[in-house]
Amino acid sequence: MNGPSLANRSRGFTLIELLLATALIAMIMAMAYGGFRAGVRATHSGEQLIEESNRLRVVHEFLRTRLALAQPLIIEDVEGEPIRFEGEPDRVRFVAPLPGYLSYGGPYVQEFRVERGREGVDLVFAFAMLNGYEPGDLDAEPPVTLLENVGDLRLEYLGFEENGEDVYWDSAWQEADRMPLAIALGLDMERDNGLSFPPLNTPLKVDSASTAQPRLQGSDSILSPVNRHLQRTQDRQ
C-alpha cells in the first residue's frame, strides 16, 4: 500500500486542525469577553449618569430652597452700615434657616460660591450660626462641596427703582442693607455626558421692600412687575 487507509486517516486530527480549532475558540472567547466588558461599561456609565442626574436635581432644589428663604436679618455691621445681603457674580451671602439635619435651629449665615478644587472649580456651600457670628466664621471649617468640576457660576439679582415699578437684573447687588426681589443662578457644567444644570430663577419669600423702602401706595404691588419680569425671563429660556 502506498499510503494510509481511510480508516487510519479518520482516527484523529492533524496538528493544523488542532491549531485552527484552538485559534477559533480563542477568537470566540475574546469576542465574548469584549462584549461582556462593553456591557459592564455601559451599565456602569448608565449608573453614573443616573447618579449624577439625581445629584444635580438635589443640589438645584437645595439652592432654590435656601435662596428663597433668605431673611432680611443683619449679618454684620460695617462702619455703621448694616449688611443683610451680599451678592456678587460668583458668590452670594445671606441669612436663612437650615434644615434640621444640618443645624441646631435658628437662622444661619450661608454662602454659595465657587472655588478651586482637586480637579477644577467646585461649587461649595459654607454656613455658620448667626448668633455670635464674626467675620471669618464661614471659613472656620472646610465648606461642603455640592458639585465638583463645574464651570462658571453666574448670579444675578433683581432690584427695583424708587418708584417701585421699574425692575432690573444686575450681576452684583449694590445695596447690602436690603434684599433683592429675586435671584437668578446659572452654572456651566463641564461634562461630556450631556448633563446640564437647569437655570434657576427664584423670588425671595420675604417682603424685600420692608427693609429699606416703603410699601407702594395705591392698588399696585411691587410683586406685579416682578412676576411679569420673571415670567418673561422663563419664557425666553
Protein backbone atom coordinates (compact mmCIF):
# COMPACT_ATOMS: atom_id res chain seq x y z
CA MET A 1 0.00 0.00 0.00
CA ASN A 2 1.35 3.40 -0.96
CA GLY A 3 -0.48 5.47 1.71
CA PRO A 4 -2.57 5.26 4.86
CA SER A 5 -6.01 3.79 4.55
CA LEU A 6 -9.21 5.79 5.00
CA ALA A 7 -9.75 4.16 8.39
CA ASN A 8 -6.30 5.19 9.66
CA ARG A 9 -6.76 8.78 8.45
CA SER A 10 -10.03 9.18 10.39
CA ARG A 11 -8.59 8.18 13.77
CA GLY A 12 -7.54 11.76 14.86
CA PHE A 13 -6.93 15.39 13.96
CA THR A 14 -3.91 16.79 12.35
CA LEU A 15 -1.78 19.45 14.06
CA ILE A 16 -3.06 22.10 11.69
CA GLU A 17 -6.66 21.23 12.51
CA LEU A 18 -5.93 21.45 16.25
CA LEU A 19 -4.26 24.84 15.82
CA LEU A 20 -7.18 26.15 13.77
CA ALA A 21 -9.70 24.90 16.34
CA THR A 22 -7.72 26.47 19.20
CA ALA A 23 -7.47 29.79 17.36
CA LEU A 24 -11.21 29.74 16.64
CA ILE A 25 -12.07 29.02 20.28
CA ALA A 26 -9.74 31.81 21.44
CA MET A 27 -11.35 34.23 18.99
CA ILE A 28 -14.84 33.35 20.19
CA MET A 29 -13.80 33.75 23.84
CA ALA A 30 -12.17 37.11 23.10
CA MET A 31 -15.32 38.35 21.36
CA ALA A 32 -17.49 37.14 24.23
CA TYR A 33 -15.21 38.79 26.81
CA GLY A 34 -15.19 42.01 24.82
CA GLY A 35 -18.97 42.03 24.68
CA PHE A 36 -19.14 41.33 28.41
CA ARG A 37 -16.76 44.20 29.18
CA ALA A 38 -18.71 46.54 26.92
CA GLY A 39 -21.92 45.60 28.72
CA VAL A 40 -20.32 46.22 32.12
CA ARG A 41 -19.01 49.61 30.99
CA ALA A 42 -22.41 50.58 29.58
CA THR A 43 -24.12 49.56 32.81
CA HIS A 44 -21.56 51.43 34.92
CA SER A 45 -21.81 54.50 32.71
CA GLY A 46 -25.62 54.41 32.93
CA GLU A 47 -25.49 54.15 36.72
CA GLN A 48 -23.07 57.08 36.90
CA LEU A 49 -25.33 59.16 34.65
CA ILE A 50 -28.37 58.42 36.80
CA GLU A 51 -26.44 59.16 39.99
CA GLU A 52 -25.11 62.48 38.70
CA SER A 53 -28.51 63.45 37.32
CA ASN A 54 -30.09 62.81 40.72
CA ARG A 55 -27.33 64.83 42.41
CA LEU A 56 -28.00 67.77 40.07
CA ARG A 57 -31.69 67.69 40.97
CA VAL A 58 -30.92 67.57 44.70
CA VAL A 59 -28.42 70.45 44.50
CA HIS A 60 -30.80 72.50 42.35
CA GLU A 61 -33.61 72.07 44.88
CA PHE A 62 -31.26 72.81 47.80
CA LEU A 63 -30.10 76.04 46.16
CA ARG A 64 -33.63 77.12 45.28
CA THR A 65 -34.97 76.48 48.78
CA ARG A 66 -32.12 78.19 50.60
CA LEU A 67 -32.21 81.29 48.38
CA ALA A 68 -35.99 81.56 48.53
CA LEU A 69 -35.92 81.52 52.35
CA ALA A 70 -33.38 84.37 52.66
CA GLN A 71 -34.31 86.72 55.51
CA PRO A 72 -33.58 90.46 55.95
CA LEU A 73 -31.57 89.92 59.14
CA ILE A 74 -28.36 91.81 59.81
CA ILE A 75 -25.28 89.66 59.24
CA GLU A 76 -22.81 92.22 60.49
CA ASP A 77 -22.36 95.96 60.84
CA VAL A 78 -19.55 97.68 58.94
CA GLU A 79 -18.89 101.28 59.92
CA GLY A 80 -22.47 101.80 60.95
CA GLU A 81 -23.88 100.25 57.76
CA PRO A 82 -25.83 97.02 58.30
CA ILE A 83 -25.16 94.15 55.90
CA ARG A 84 -28.20 91.98 55.26
CA PHE A 85 -27.29 90.52 51.89
CA GLU A 86 -24.16 90.30 49.74
CA GLY A 87 -24.34 89.35 46.09
CA GLU A 88 -21.54 89.06 43.56
CA PRO A 89 -21.39 87.35 40.15
CA ASP A 90 -19.86 84.19 41.66
CA ARG A 91 -20.75 84.46 45.36
CA VAL A 92 -23.82 85.13 47.47
CA ARG A 93 -24.09 85.53 51.27
CA PHE A 94 -27.36 85.80 53.18
CA VAL A 95 -29.26 84.64 56.27
CA ALA A 96 -31.80 81.82 56.15
CA PRO A 97 -32.88 78.82 58.21
CA LEU A 98 -31.30 75.44 57.57
CA PRO A 99 -32.95 72.02 57.54
CA GLY A 100 -32.85 70.18 60.83
CA TYR A 101 -30.30 67.61 59.69
CA LEU A 102 -27.75 70.42 59.14
CA SER A 103 -28.45 72.79 62.02
CA TYR A 104 -29.41 73.28 65.65
CA GLY A 105 -32.24 75.65 64.80
CA GLY A 106 -32.33 79.37 64.33
CA PRO A 107 -31.03 81.50 61.45
CA TYR A 108 -27.69 80.77 59.80
CA VAL A 109 -25.36 82.87 57.69
CA GLN A 110 -25.00 80.96 54.43
CA GLU A 111 -22.77 81.35 51.40
CA PHE A 112 -22.67 79.73 47.99
CA ARG A 113 -19.51 80.26 45.95
CA VAL A 114 -17.10 78.60 43.55
CA GLU A 115 -13.53 77.81 44.48
CA ARG A 116 -10.61 75.76 43.21
CA GLY A 117 -10.97 72.05 43.96
CA ARG A 118 -8.88 68.94 43.34
CA GLU A 119 -9.64 68.65 39.62
CA GLY A 120 -11.14 72.00 38.75
CA VAL A 121 -13.63 74.52 40.08
CA ASP A 122 -16.18 73.30 42.64
CA LEU A 123 -19.49 74.74 43.80
CA VAL A 124 -19.33 74.87 47.61
CA PHE A 125 -21.61 75.81 50.49
CA ALA A 126 -20.48 77.35 53.80
CA PHE A 127 -22.63 78.19 56.81
CA ALA A 128 -22.33 79.47 60.40
CA MET A 129 -24.81 80.39 63.12
CA LEU A 130 -25.98 83.99 63.02
CA ASN A 131 -25.99 84.16 66.81
CA GLY A 132 -22.48 85.28 67.72
CA TYR A 133 -21.37 85.46 64.10
CA GLU A 134 -17.97 87.03 63.47
CA PRO A 135 -16.25 87.78 60.15
CA GLY A 136 -14.31 84.70 59.10
CA ASP A 137 -16.67 82.19 60.71
CA LEU A 138 -17.69 80.89 57.29
CA ASP A 139 -14.08 79.86 56.67
CA ALA A 140 -13.52 78.33 60.10
CA GLU A 141 -14.46 74.89 58.74
CA PRO A 142 -13.98 73.48 55.21
CA PRO A 143 -17.06 74.19 53.08
CA VAL A 144 -19.38 71.47 51.83
CA THR A 145 -18.71 70.58 48.17
CA LEU A 146 -22.03 70.44 46.32
CA LEU A 147 -20.74 69.84 42.77
CA GLU A 148 -17.24 69.10 41.54
CA ASN A 149 -15.55 70.24 38.35
CA VAL A 150 -18.06 72.88 37.30
CA GLY A 151 -17.63 75.86 35.04
CA ASP A 152 -18.60 79.45 35.71
CA LEU A 153 -21.19 80.38 38.31
CA ARG A 154 -23.37 83.30 37.19
CA LEU A 155 -25.57 85.03 39.74
CA GLU A 156 -27.95 87.91 39.00
CA TYR A 157 -30.14 89.91 41.36
CA LEU A 158 -33.49 91.53 40.70
CA GLY A 159 -33.72 95.06 42.10
CA PHE A 160 -36.26 97.85 41.81
CA GLU A 161 -36.20 101.59 41.31
CA GLU A 162 -37.50 104.21 43.72
CA ASN A 163 -40.94 104.26 42.13
CA GLY A 164 -41.31 100.51 42.65
CA GLU A 165 -42.45 99.88 39.08
CA ASP A 166 -39.14 99.58 37.25
CA VAL A 167 -37.21 96.42 37.96
CA TYR A 168 -33.82 95.36 36.66
CA TRP A 169 -31.33 92.49 36.78
CA ASP A 170 -27.76 93.17 37.89
CA SER A 171 -24.77 90.85 38.27
CA ALA A 172 -23.80 92.45 41.59
CA TRP A 173 -26.02 93.59 44.45
CA GLN A 174 -25.01 97.10 45.45
CA GLU A 175 -27.35 97.74 48.40
CA ALA A 176 -26.22 95.46 51.23
CA ASP A 177 -28.77 96.90 53.67
CA ARG A 178 -31.76 95.50 51.79
CA MET A 179 -32.72 92.34 49.97
CA PRO A 180 -33.19 91.75 46.23
CA LEU A 181 -36.58 90.74 44.95
CA ALA A 182 -35.35 87.60 43.21
CA ILE A 183 -32.17 85.71 42.39
CA ALA A 184 -31.20 84.02 39.14
CA LEU A 185 -28.46 81.41 39.03
CA GLY A 186 -26.73 79.80 36.07
CA LEU A 187 -24.00 77.19 36.25
CA ASP A 188 -21.91 75.81 33.41
CA MET A 189 -21.24 72.08 33.62
CA GLU A 190 -18.06 70.72 32.06
CA ARG A 191 -19.48 67.29 31.25
CA ASP A 192 -19.18 65.01 28.22
CA ASN A 193 -22.35 63.11 29.09
CA GLY A 194 -24.67 65.96 28.07
CA LEU A 195 -25.87 66.82 31.58
CA SER A 196 -26.51 70.49 32.28
CA PHE A 197 -27.57 72.45 35.35
CA PRO A 198 -31.12 73.79 34.90
CA PRO A 199 -31.43 77.59 35.10
CA LEU A 200 -32.73 78.78 38.45
CA ASN A 201 -34.93 81.84 38.95
CA THR A 202 -36.48 82.21 42.39
CA PRO A 203 -38.24 85.13 44.07
CA LEU A 204 -37.48 85.71 47.73
CA LYS A 205 -40.35 84.93 50.06
CA VAL A 206 -39.76 87.93 52.34
CA ASP A 207 -41.09 91.43 51.73
CA SER A 208 -37.84 92.75 50.31
CA ALA A 209 -39.10 96.33 50.26
CA SER A 210 -39.73 96.46 54.00
CA THR A 211 -36.05 96.74 54.98
CA ALA A 212 -35.28 99.91 53.07
CA GLN A 213 -38.28 101.00 51.01
CA PRO A 214 -41.85 101.95 51.98
CA ARG A 215 -44.72 99.94 50.63
CA LEU A 216 -46.20 101.28 47.42
CA GLN A 217 -49.24 103.46 47.71
CA GLY A 218 -52.35 102.55 45.78
CA SER A 219 -53.53 99.25 44.40
CA ASP A 220 -50.34 98.30 42.53
CA SER A 221 -47.98 95.95 44.33
CA ILE A 222 -44.29 95.66 43.68
CA LEU A 223 -44.81 91.94 43.08
CA SER A 224 -46.70 92.59 39.85
CA PRO A 225 -43.72 93.83 37.79
CA VAL A 226 -41.51 91.24 39.45
CA ASN A 227 -43.77 88.38 38.46
CA ARG A 228 -44.07 89.73 34.93
CA HIS A 229 -40.30 90.07 34.67
CA LEU A 230 -39.69 86.55 35.97
CA GLN A 231 -42.30 85.18 33.56
CA ARG A 232 -40.62 86.89 30.59
CA THR A 233 -37.25 85.50 31.70
CA GLN A 234 -38.62 81.96 31.96
CA ASP A 235 -40.36 82.28 28.56
CA ARG A 236 -37.05 83.21 26.91
CA GLN A 237 -35.40 80.12 28.37
